[in-house]
Amino acid sequence: MRAPRDVAKADGIVVWTGPGGGRLEAAAELLKAGKGERLLISGVNTDLTSETVLNLLDIDADIKNCCVDLDYAAEDTIGNARETAIWAKALGYDHILLVTSAYHMPRAQSEIAVATGRIRITAYPVRASEDLNWYSDKARFKRLLNEYAKLILTMLRGTNTRVRESAPDVPLPEKSDTP
C-alpha cells in the first residue's frame, strides 16, 4: 500500500502515533498543503507534553495553535478509532485523511468503520524503509502475521456489530386467507 500522489482535500487529517516511520512529518505536510482544516494526533504518549509533541511538527505556530488537536486517551488501535470517531463527529467531518503505517492501514480503516460507520477515509499510508523486505526478517514477518490476525478479528467484530445496529425493521407481511 502506497500513499496517493494526488491527495484530495478532506475535512480533517488524523495521524495515529507509534514508533518511528515519519507519520507525524507526513501529517504535518498534508496540513501545510491545505489538505484538511485540522489535524488530530491520536494516541499521544502521556509522558509527552503538548509542547514537546507540537515542536516535532514543522508548521507555523499559528497553525499549531489553531488547528492541531492532541489525543492522549487512545492506548491502542480500538482507542485510536474511537477517538477519531468522536473528533470527526464533534467537528461534523464526513471525510478524513488517515495517516498511519502502511502495514497497519487496513485494520485502522476497519476499526474506524466499526467506530463510525459513515465516515469516508482516504488512506495515506507511510512506509518505513525496513518494511520493504519484510519477508526476509522473522520479526517483521511475525508482526505482519499478527496484524493480519487482528484485521480478521476486527472485520468479524465489525460485521457482527453492523448486523445488530443497522438491520432494518421490516414489517412482516400480513397473512391472508386467500392464496
N, C-alpha and C. Protein backbone atom coordinates (compact mmCIF):
# COMPACT_ATOMS: atom_id res chain seq x y z
N MET A 1 0.84 -1.17 0.00
CA MET A 1 0.00 0.00 0.00
C MET A 1 0.89 1.24 0.00
N ARG A 2 0.61 2.14 -0.91
CA ARG A 2 1.41 3.37 -1.04
C ARG A 2 0.53 4.60 -0.86
N ALA A 3 1.16 5.68 -0.43
CA ALA A 3 0.44 6.95 -0.28
C ALA A 3 0.03 7.46 -1.67
N PRO A 4 -1.15 8.04 -1.77
CA PRO A 4 -1.58 8.56 -3.07
C PRO A 4 -0.72 9.75 -3.49
N ARG A 5 -0.47 9.87 -4.78
CA ARG A 5 0.32 11.01 -5.27
C ARG A 5 -0.49 12.30 -5.24
N ASP A 6 -1.71 12.21 -5.69
CA ASP A 6 -2.57 13.38 -5.74
C ASP A 6 -3.63 13.21 -4.64
N VAL A 7 -3.43 13.86 -3.53
CA VAL A 7 -4.31 13.70 -2.37
C VAL A 7 -5.44 14.71 -2.45
N ALA A 8 -6.66 14.20 -2.44
CA ALA A 8 -7.84 15.07 -2.44
C ALA A 8 -7.97 15.73 -1.08
N LYS A 9 -8.54 16.91 -1.07
CA LYS A 9 -8.76 17.62 0.19
C LYS A 9 -9.86 16.90 0.98
N ALA A 10 -9.64 16.80 2.29
CA ALA A 10 -10.61 16.19 3.19
C ALA A 10 -11.01 17.23 4.23
N ASP A 11 -11.97 16.88 5.06
CA ASP A 11 -12.36 17.80 6.14
C ASP A 11 -11.23 17.92 7.16
N GLY A 12 -10.65 16.79 7.53
CA GLY A 12 -9.60 16.79 8.53
C GLY A 12 -8.58 15.71 8.27
N ILE A 13 -7.48 15.80 9.00
CA ILE A 13 -6.38 14.84 8.89
C ILE A 13 -6.19 14.19 10.25
N VAL A 14 -6.00 12.88 10.26
CA VAL A 14 -5.77 12.14 11.50
C VAL A 14 -4.50 11.35 11.33
N VAL A 15 -3.62 11.44 12.33
CA VAL A 15 -2.41 10.62 12.33
C VAL A 15 -2.41 9.81 13.61
N TRP A 16 -2.14 8.52 13.47
CA TRP A 16 -2.04 7.63 14.62
C TRP A 16 -0.57 7.46 14.94
N THR A 17 -0.22 7.70 16.18
CA THR A 17 1.18 7.69 16.58
C THR A 17 1.69 6.27 16.77
N GLY A 18 2.98 6.20 16.88
CA GLY A 18 3.68 4.95 17.09
C GLY A 18 5.15 5.18 16.85
N PRO A 19 5.95 4.19 17.11
CA PRO A 19 7.40 4.39 16.98
C PRO A 19 7.85 4.61 15.54
N GLY A 20 8.57 5.70 15.32
CA GLY A 20 9.20 5.98 14.03
C GLY A 20 8.26 6.03 12.86
N GLY A 21 8.83 6.00 11.67
CA GLY A 21 8.05 5.85 10.46
C GLY A 21 7.70 7.11 9.71
N GLY A 22 7.90 8.30 10.26
CA GLY A 22 7.63 9.53 9.53
C GLY A 22 6.17 9.92 9.44
N ARG A 23 5.32 9.34 10.27
CA ARG A 23 3.89 9.65 10.21
C ARG A 23 3.57 11.10 10.58
N LEU A 24 4.17 11.57 11.68
CA LEU A 24 3.90 12.96 12.09
C LEU A 24 4.35 13.94 11.01
N GLU A 25 5.49 13.69 10.42
CA GLU A 25 6.00 14.57 9.37
C GLU A 25 5.06 14.58 8.18
N ALA A 26 4.57 13.41 7.78
CA ALA A 26 3.65 13.31 6.64
C ALA A 26 2.35 14.06 6.93
N ALA A 27 1.83 13.89 8.14
CA ALA A 27 0.58 14.58 8.50
C ALA A 27 0.78 16.09 8.53
N ALA A 28 1.91 16.55 9.04
CA ALA A 28 2.19 17.99 9.07
C ALA A 28 2.27 18.54 7.66
N GLU A 29 2.88 17.80 6.74
CA GLU A 29 2.96 18.24 5.35
C GLU A 29 1.57 18.35 4.71
N LEU A 30 0.72 17.39 5.01
CA LEU A 30 -0.65 17.44 4.48
C LEU A 30 -1.40 18.66 5.02
N LEU A 31 -1.22 18.96 6.31
CA LEU A 31 -1.88 20.13 6.91
C LEU A 31 -1.35 21.42 6.27
N LYS A 32 -0.03 21.50 6.12
CA LYS A 32 0.57 22.69 5.49
C LYS A 32 0.08 22.87 4.06
N ALA A 33 -0.17 21.77 3.37
CA ALA A 33 -0.62 21.83 1.98
C ALA A 33 -2.11 22.14 1.87
N GLY A 34 -2.79 22.29 3.01
CA GLY A 34 -4.21 22.61 2.99
C GLY A 34 -5.11 21.44 2.65
N LYS A 35 -4.64 20.21 2.91
CA LYS A 35 -5.43 19.02 2.57
C LYS A 35 -6.51 18.71 3.61
N GLY A 36 -6.53 19.45 4.70
CA GLY A 36 -7.56 19.33 5.72
C GLY A 36 -7.50 20.57 6.60
N GLU A 37 -8.61 20.90 7.26
CA GLU A 37 -8.61 22.12 8.06
C GLU A 37 -8.03 21.93 9.45
N ARG A 38 -8.03 20.69 9.96
CA ARG A 38 -7.48 20.39 11.29
C ARG A 38 -6.72 19.08 11.25
N LEU A 39 -5.86 18.90 12.25
CA LEU A 39 -5.07 17.68 12.39
C LEU A 39 -5.29 17.13 13.78
N LEU A 40 -5.66 15.85 13.85
CA LEU A 40 -5.74 15.13 15.12
C LEU A 40 -4.55 14.19 15.20
N ILE A 41 -3.78 14.32 16.29
CA ILE A 41 -2.70 13.38 16.57
C ILE A 41 -3.24 12.47 17.65
N SER A 42 -3.53 11.24 17.29
CA SER A 42 -4.19 10.31 18.20
C SER A 42 -3.20 9.32 18.80
N GLY A 43 -3.38 9.04 20.08
CA GLY A 43 -2.54 8.07 20.77
C GLY A 43 -1.23 8.65 21.26
N VAL A 44 -1.24 9.94 21.62
CA VAL A 44 -0.02 10.58 22.10
C VAL A 44 0.37 9.97 23.45
N ASN A 45 1.64 9.69 23.60
CA ASN A 45 2.18 9.16 24.85
C ASN A 45 1.93 10.16 25.98
N THR A 46 1.35 9.69 27.06
CA THR A 46 1.01 10.58 28.18
C THR A 46 2.23 11.17 28.87
N ASP A 47 3.42 10.63 28.61
CA ASP A 47 4.64 11.19 29.18
C ASP A 47 5.12 12.42 28.43
N LEU A 48 4.55 12.68 27.25
CA LEU A 48 4.96 13.82 26.43
C LEU A 48 4.04 15.01 26.65
N THR A 49 4.61 16.17 26.81
CA THR A 49 3.81 17.39 26.93
C THR A 49 3.32 17.79 25.55
N SER A 50 2.29 18.60 25.51
CA SER A 50 1.78 19.07 24.23
C SER A 50 2.85 19.90 23.52
N GLU A 51 3.63 20.65 24.28
CA GLU A 51 4.70 21.46 23.69
C GLU A 51 5.73 20.57 22.99
N THR A 52 6.09 19.47 23.62
CA THR A 52 7.05 18.54 23.03
C THR A 52 6.51 17.99 21.71
N VAL A 53 5.25 17.57 21.72
CA VAL A 53 4.66 17.00 20.51
C VAL A 53 4.56 18.04 19.41
N LEU A 54 4.07 19.21 19.75
CA LEU A 54 3.91 20.26 18.74
C LEU A 54 5.25 20.71 18.17
N ASN A 55 6.30 20.65 18.95
CA ASN A 55 7.62 21.02 18.46
C ASN A 55 8.16 20.03 17.44
N LEU A 56 7.61 18.83 17.40
CA LEU A 56 8.02 17.84 16.40
C LEU A 56 7.47 18.17 15.02
N LEU A 57 6.45 19.01 14.98
CA LEU A 57 5.80 19.36 13.71
C LEU A 57 6.48 20.57 13.09
N ASP A 58 6.78 20.48 11.83
CA ASP A 58 7.41 21.59 11.11
C ASP A 58 6.31 22.44 10.46
N ILE A 59 5.55 23.12 11.33
CA ILE A 59 4.48 24.00 10.84
C ILE A 59 4.50 25.29 11.67
N ASP A 60 3.91 26.34 11.12
CA ASP A 60 3.87 27.64 11.79
C ASP A 60 3.14 27.55 13.12
N ALA A 61 3.56 28.39 14.06
CA ALA A 61 2.96 28.42 15.40
C ALA A 61 1.46 28.73 15.32
N ASP A 62 1.07 29.61 14.40
CA ASP A 62 -0.35 29.95 14.26
C ASP A 62 -1.18 28.72 13.91
N ILE A 63 -0.65 27.88 13.03
CA ILE A 63 -1.37 26.67 12.64
C ILE A 63 -1.40 25.68 13.81
N LYS A 64 -0.27 25.55 14.52
CA LYS A 64 -0.22 24.66 15.68
C LYS A 64 -1.28 25.07 16.71
N ASN A 65 -1.40 26.36 16.94
CA ASN A 65 -2.32 26.86 17.96
C ASN A 65 -3.78 26.73 17.57
N CYS A 66 -4.07 26.87 16.29
CA CYS A 66 -5.48 26.85 15.88
C CYS A 66 -5.98 25.49 15.42
N CYS A 67 -5.07 24.70 14.87
CA CYS A 67 -5.57 23.60 14.04
C CYS A 67 -5.02 22.22 14.37
N VAL A 68 -4.34 22.05 15.49
CA VAL A 68 -3.79 20.75 15.85
C VAL A 68 -4.40 20.32 17.18
N ASP A 69 -4.99 19.14 17.18
CA ASP A 69 -5.61 18.57 18.38
C ASP A 69 -4.82 17.33 18.80
N LEU A 70 -4.59 17.19 20.10
CA LEU A 70 -3.86 16.05 20.62
C LEU A 70 -4.78 15.15 21.41
N ASP A 71 -4.69 13.86 21.14
CA ASP A 71 -5.49 12.86 21.86
C ASP A 71 -4.55 12.02 22.71
N TYR A 72 -4.71 12.13 24.03
CA TYR A 72 -3.93 11.33 24.97
C TYR A 72 -4.70 10.11 25.46
N ALA A 73 -5.97 9.99 25.10
CA ALA A 73 -6.82 8.92 25.64
C ALA A 73 -6.59 7.57 24.98
N ALA A 74 -6.35 7.55 23.67
CA ALA A 74 -6.21 6.29 22.95
C ALA A 74 -4.93 5.58 23.35
N GLU A 75 -5.08 4.29 23.66
CA GLU A 75 -3.92 3.48 24.05
C GLU A 75 -3.65 2.33 23.08
N ASP A 76 -4.58 2.13 22.13
CA ASP A 76 -4.44 1.05 21.17
C ASP A 76 -5.25 1.40 19.93
N THR A 77 -5.29 0.49 18.99
CA THR A 77 -5.97 0.75 17.72
C THR A 77 -7.46 1.01 17.90
N ILE A 78 -8.10 0.24 18.75
CA ILE A 78 -9.53 0.47 19.00
C ILE A 78 -9.73 1.85 19.62
N GLY A 79 -8.87 2.23 20.53
CA GLY A 79 -8.94 3.56 21.14
C GLY A 79 -8.70 4.66 20.12
N ASN A 80 -7.73 4.46 19.22
CA ASN A 80 -7.50 5.44 18.15
C ASN A 80 -8.75 5.62 17.30
N ALA A 81 -9.39 4.52 16.95
CA ALA A 81 -10.60 4.58 16.13
C ALA A 81 -11.73 5.30 16.87
N ARG A 82 -11.89 4.97 18.14
CA ARG A 82 -12.93 5.62 18.96
C ARG A 82 -12.69 7.12 19.04
N GLU A 83 -11.47 7.52 19.35
CA GLU A 83 -11.16 8.95 19.48
C GLU A 83 -11.27 9.67 18.14
N THR A 84 -10.89 8.99 17.07
CA THR A 84 -11.04 9.57 15.73
C THR A 84 -12.51 9.80 15.42
N ALA A 85 -13.34 8.83 15.75
CA ALA A 85 -14.79 8.95 15.51
C ALA A 85 -15.38 10.09 16.32
N ILE A 86 -15.02 10.20 17.57
CA ILE A 86 -15.53 11.28 18.44
C ILE A 86 -15.12 12.64 17.88
N TRP A 87 -13.84 12.77 17.51
CA TRP A 87 -13.30 14.02 16.97
C TRP A 87 -14.02 14.41 15.68
N ALA A 88 -14.14 13.46 14.76
CA ALA A 88 -14.78 13.74 13.47
C ALA A 88 -16.25 14.12 13.65
N LYS A 89 -16.94 13.41 14.53
CA LYS A 89 -18.36 13.72 14.77
C LYS A 89 -18.52 15.09 15.41
N ALA A 90 -17.68 15.40 16.38
CA ALA A 90 -17.77 16.70 17.06
C ALA A 90 -17.56 17.87 16.10
N LEU A 91 -16.73 17.66 15.09
CA LEU A 91 -16.44 18.71 14.13
C LEU A 91 -17.32 18.63 12.88
N GLY A 92 -18.17 17.63 12.81
CA GLY A 92 -19.06 17.47 11.65
C GLY A 92 -18.33 17.02 10.40
N TYR A 93 -17.24 16.29 10.56
CA TYR A 93 -16.45 15.84 9.43
C TYR A 93 -17.02 14.56 8.83
N ASP A 94 -17.09 14.54 7.50
CA ASP A 94 -17.55 13.36 6.76
C ASP A 94 -16.41 12.64 6.05
N HIS A 95 -15.25 13.32 5.94
CA HIS A 95 -14.13 12.79 5.18
C HIS A 95 -12.82 13.12 5.88
N ILE A 96 -12.02 12.10 6.14
CA ILE A 96 -10.71 12.33 6.76
C ILE A 96 -9.60 11.70 5.93
N LEU A 97 -8.42 12.26 6.07
CA LEU A 97 -7.20 11.64 5.58
C LEU A 97 -6.62 10.91 6.78
N LEU A 98 -6.36 9.64 6.65
CA LEU A 98 -5.81 8.85 7.74
C LEU A 98 -4.36 8.53 7.44
N VAL A 99 -3.48 8.97 8.34
CA VAL A 99 -2.05 8.73 8.20
C VAL A 99 -1.63 7.73 9.28
N THR A 100 -1.14 6.59 8.85
CA THR A 100 -0.56 5.60 9.75
C THR A 100 0.38 4.73 8.93
N SER A 101 1.03 3.80 9.60
CA SER A 101 1.98 2.95 8.87
C SER A 101 1.23 2.09 7.85
N ALA A 102 1.91 1.80 6.75
CA ALA A 102 1.28 1.07 5.65
C ALA A 102 0.76 -0.29 6.09
N TYR A 103 1.54 -1.02 6.88
CA TYR A 103 1.10 -2.36 7.27
C TYR A 103 -0.11 -2.31 8.20
N HIS A 104 -0.34 -1.19 8.85
CA HIS A 104 -1.43 -1.05 9.82
C HIS A 104 -2.71 -0.47 9.20
N MET A 105 -2.60 0.07 8.00
CA MET A 105 -3.71 0.81 7.39
C MET A 105 -5.00 -0.02 7.22
N PRO A 106 -4.97 -1.25 6.72
CA PRO A 106 -6.24 -1.98 6.56
C PRO A 106 -7.01 -2.13 7.87
N ARG A 107 -6.31 -2.47 8.94
CA ARG A 107 -7.00 -2.62 10.23
C ARG A 107 -7.46 -1.27 10.76
N ALA A 108 -6.66 -0.24 10.57
CA ALA A 108 -7.04 1.10 11.01
C ALA A 108 -8.35 1.53 10.33
N GLN A 109 -8.44 1.31 9.04
CA GLN A 109 -9.65 1.67 8.31
C GLN A 109 -10.85 0.85 8.81
N SER A 110 -10.62 -0.43 9.06
CA SER A 110 -11.71 -1.29 9.55
C SER A 110 -12.18 -0.86 10.92
N GLU A 111 -11.25 -0.52 11.80
CA GLU A 111 -11.63 -0.09 13.16
C GLU A 111 -12.41 1.22 13.12
N ILE A 112 -12.01 2.15 12.26
CA ILE A 112 -12.76 3.41 12.14
C ILE A 112 -14.16 3.13 11.60
N ALA A 113 -14.26 2.23 10.64
CA ALA A 113 -15.58 1.88 10.10
C ALA A 113 -16.47 1.29 11.18
N VAL A 114 -15.90 0.46 12.05
CA VAL A 114 -16.67 -0.10 13.16
C VAL A 114 -17.11 1.01 14.11
N ALA A 115 -16.20 1.96 14.38
CA ALA A 115 -16.48 3.03 15.34
C ALA A 115 -17.45 4.08 14.79
N THR A 116 -17.38 4.37 13.49
CA THR A 116 -18.21 5.45 12.94
C THR A 116 -19.28 4.96 11.99
N GLY A 117 -18.90 4.06 11.11
CA GLY A 117 -19.84 3.53 10.14
C GLY A 117 -20.08 4.40 8.93
N ARG A 118 -19.91 5.71 9.06
CA ARG A 118 -20.31 6.56 7.95
C ARG A 118 -19.26 7.57 7.50
N ILE A 119 -18.06 7.47 7.95
CA ILE A 119 -17.05 8.44 7.57
C ILE A 119 -16.24 7.93 6.38
N ARG A 120 -15.93 8.82 5.45
CA ARG A 120 -15.12 8.45 4.30
C ARG A 120 -13.65 8.62 4.68
N ILE A 121 -12.85 7.63 4.38
CA ILE A 121 -11.44 7.64 4.75
C ILE A 121 -10.60 7.58 3.49
N THR A 122 -9.70 8.54 3.35
CA THR A 122 -8.68 8.46 2.32
C THR A 122 -7.40 8.03 3.03
N ALA A 123 -6.90 6.87 2.64
CA ALA A 123 -5.71 6.32 3.28
C ALA A 123 -4.46 7.05 2.81
N TYR A 124 -3.61 7.38 3.76
CA TYR A 124 -2.30 7.94 3.46
C TYR A 124 -1.27 7.10 4.23
N PRO A 125 -0.97 5.91 3.69
CA PRO A 125 -0.04 5.01 4.38
C PRO A 125 1.40 5.50 4.29
N VAL A 126 2.12 5.34 5.38
CA VAL A 126 3.52 5.73 5.42
C VAL A 126 4.34 4.46 5.58
N ARG A 127 5.31 4.30 4.72
CA ARG A 127 6.16 3.11 4.74
C ARG A 127 7.50 3.42 5.37
N ALA A 128 7.89 2.60 6.29
CA ALA A 128 9.25 2.68 6.82
C ALA A 128 10.16 1.91 5.87
N SER A 129 11.38 2.35 5.70
CA SER A 129 12.28 1.69 4.75
C SER A 129 12.49 0.22 5.08
N GLU A 130 12.47 -0.13 6.39
CA GLU A 130 12.68 -1.52 6.76
C GLU A 130 11.48 -2.41 6.43
N ASP A 131 10.34 -1.82 6.09
CA ASP A 131 9.17 -2.61 5.72
C ASP A 131 9.27 -3.20 4.32
N LEU A 132 10.21 -2.73 3.52
CA LEU A 132 10.29 -3.17 2.14
C LEU A 132 10.71 -4.63 2.00
N ASN A 133 11.52 -5.12 2.89
CA ASN A 133 11.97 -6.51 2.81
C ASN A 133 11.44 -7.32 3.99
N TRP A 134 10.17 -7.19 4.27
CA TRP A 134 9.54 -7.82 5.43
C TRP A 134 9.68 -9.33 5.41
N TYR A 135 9.70 -9.93 4.24
CA TYR A 135 9.73 -11.38 4.09
C TYR A 135 11.07 -11.98 4.51
N SER A 136 12.12 -11.15 4.61
CA SER A 136 13.44 -11.69 4.95
C SER A 136 13.78 -11.55 6.43
N ASP A 137 12.85 -11.02 7.21
CA ASP A 137 13.11 -10.82 8.63
C ASP A 137 11.98 -11.46 9.44
N LYS A 138 12.35 -12.42 10.30
CA LYS A 138 11.33 -13.17 11.06
C LYS A 138 10.49 -12.26 11.95
N ALA A 139 11.10 -11.26 12.58
CA ALA A 139 10.36 -10.37 13.48
C ALA A 139 9.33 -9.55 12.69
N ARG A 140 9.72 -9.04 11.53
CA ARG A 140 8.77 -8.27 10.71
C ARG A 140 7.66 -9.16 10.17
N PHE A 141 8.03 -10.37 9.75
CA PHE A 141 7.03 -11.31 9.26
C PHE A 141 6.02 -11.62 10.36
N LYS A 142 6.50 -11.85 11.57
CA LYS A 142 5.62 -12.13 12.70
C LYS A 142 4.70 -10.95 13.00
N ARG A 143 5.25 -9.72 12.91
CA ARG A 143 4.43 -8.52 13.14
C ARG A 143 3.31 -8.43 12.10
N LEU A 144 3.63 -8.69 10.85
CA LEU A 144 2.62 -8.64 9.80
C LEU A 144 1.57 -9.74 9.96
N LEU A 145 2.01 -10.92 10.34
CA LEU A 145 1.07 -12.02 10.57
C LEU A 145 0.14 -11.69 11.73
N ASN A 146 0.69 -11.11 12.79
CA ASN A 146 -0.10 -10.69 13.94
C ASN A 146 -1.11 -9.61 13.53
N GLU A 147 -0.67 -8.67 12.71
CA GLU A 147 -1.56 -7.60 12.24
C GLU A 147 -2.68 -8.18 11.39
N TYR A 148 -2.37 -9.17 10.56
CA TYR A 148 -3.38 -9.80 9.72
C TYR A 148 -4.43 -10.51 10.58
N ALA A 149 -3.99 -11.21 11.61
CA ALA A 149 -4.93 -11.89 12.51
C ALA A 149 -5.85 -10.88 13.18
N LYS A 150 -5.30 -9.77 13.62
CA LYS A 150 -6.11 -8.72 14.26
C LYS A 150 -7.09 -8.11 13.26
N LEU A 151 -6.66 -7.97 12.01
CA LEU A 151 -7.55 -7.44 10.97
C LEU A 151 -8.76 -8.36 10.78
N ILE A 152 -8.52 -9.66 10.72
CA ILE A 152 -9.62 -10.62 10.56
C ILE A 152 -10.59 -10.50 11.73
N LEU A 153 -10.07 -10.42 12.94
CA LEU A 153 -10.94 -10.27 14.13
C LEU A 153 -11.73 -8.97 14.08
N THR A 154 -11.09 -7.89 13.66
CA THR A 154 -11.78 -6.60 13.53
C THR A 154 -12.92 -6.70 12.52
N MET A 155 -12.65 -7.32 11.41
CA MET A 155 -13.67 -7.45 10.37
C MET A 155 -14.84 -8.29 10.87
N LEU A 156 -14.56 -9.36 11.58
CA LEU A 156 -15.63 -10.20 12.12
C LEU A 156 -16.45 -9.43 13.15
N ARG A 157 -15.75 -8.71 14.02
CA ARG A 157 -16.45 -7.92 15.04
C ARG A 157 -17.29 -6.83 14.38
N GLY A 158 -16.73 -6.20 13.37
CA GLY A 158 -17.45 -5.14 12.67
C GLY A 158 -18.67 -5.66 11.95
N THR A 159 -18.55 -6.81 11.34
CA THR A 159 -19.69 -7.41 10.64
C THR A 159 -20.81 -7.72 11.63
N ASN A 160 -20.48 -8.30 12.75
CA ASN A 160 -21.49 -8.62 13.75
C ASN A 160 -22.14 -7.37 14.30
N THR A 161 -21.35 -6.32 14.55
CA THR A 161 -21.89 -5.07 15.07
C THR A 161 -22.83 -4.44 14.06
N ARG A 162 -22.40 -4.41 12.80
CA ARG A 162 -23.23 -3.78 11.76
C ARG A 162 -24.59 -4.47 11.64
N VAL A 163 -24.60 -5.78 11.69
CA VAL A 163 -25.86 -6.50 11.55
C VAL A 163 -26.80 -6.12 12.69
N ARG A 164 -26.29 -6.05 13.89
CA ARG A 164 -27.14 -5.72 15.03
C ARG A 164 -27.58 -4.27 15.01
N GLU A 165 -26.69 -3.36 14.66
CA GLU A 165 -27.01 -1.94 14.77
C GLU A 165 -27.75 -1.38 13.57
N SER A 166 -27.55 -1.95 12.40
CA SER A 166 -28.13 -1.32 11.23
C SER A 166 -29.16 -2.16 10.50
N ALA A 167 -29.55 -3.27 11.08
CA ALA A 167 -30.56 -4.10 10.42
C ALA A 167 -31.88 -3.34 10.39
N PRO A 168 -32.49 -3.27 9.23
CA PRO A 168 -33.75 -2.53 9.14
C PRO A 168 -34.89 -3.24 9.85
N ASP A 169 -35.83 -2.48 10.31
CA ASP A 169 -37.03 -3.02 10.93
C ASP A 169 -38.07 -3.16 9.83
N VAL A 170 -38.14 -4.35 9.29
CA VAL A 170 -39.04 -4.60 8.16
C VAL A 170 -40.31 -5.29 8.68
N PRO A 171 -41.47 -4.68 8.42
CA PRO A 171 -42.70 -5.33 8.89
C PRO A 171 -42.96 -6.62 8.12
N LEU A 172 -43.46 -7.59 8.83
CA LEU A 172 -43.80 -8.86 8.18
C LEU A 172 -45.10 -8.70 7.41
N PRO A 173 -45.20 -9.39 6.28
CA PRO A 173 -46.45 -9.29 5.51
C PRO A 173 -47.59 -9.93 6.30
N GLU A 174 -48.75 -9.34 6.15
CA GLU A 174 -49.93 -9.88 6.84
C GLU A 174 -50.36 -11.16 6.15
N LYS A 175 -50.80 -12.11 6.97
CA LYS A 175 -51.28 -13.37 6.40
C LYS A 175 -52.67 -13.17 5.85
N SER A 176 -52.88 -13.81 4.76
CA SER A 176 -54.20 -13.70 4.15
C SER A 176 -54.77 -15.10 3.97
N ASP A 177 -56.10 -15.19 3.99
CA ASP A 177 -56.75 -16.50 3.82
C ASP A 177 -56.81 -16.91 2.35
N THR A 178 -56.66 -15.96 1.48
CA THR A 178 -56.75 -16.28 0.05
C THR A 178 -55.35 -16.55 -0.50
N PRO A 179 -55.24 -17.58 -1.34
CA PRO A 179 -53.93 -17.92 -1.93
C PRO A 179 -53.49 -16.94 -2.97
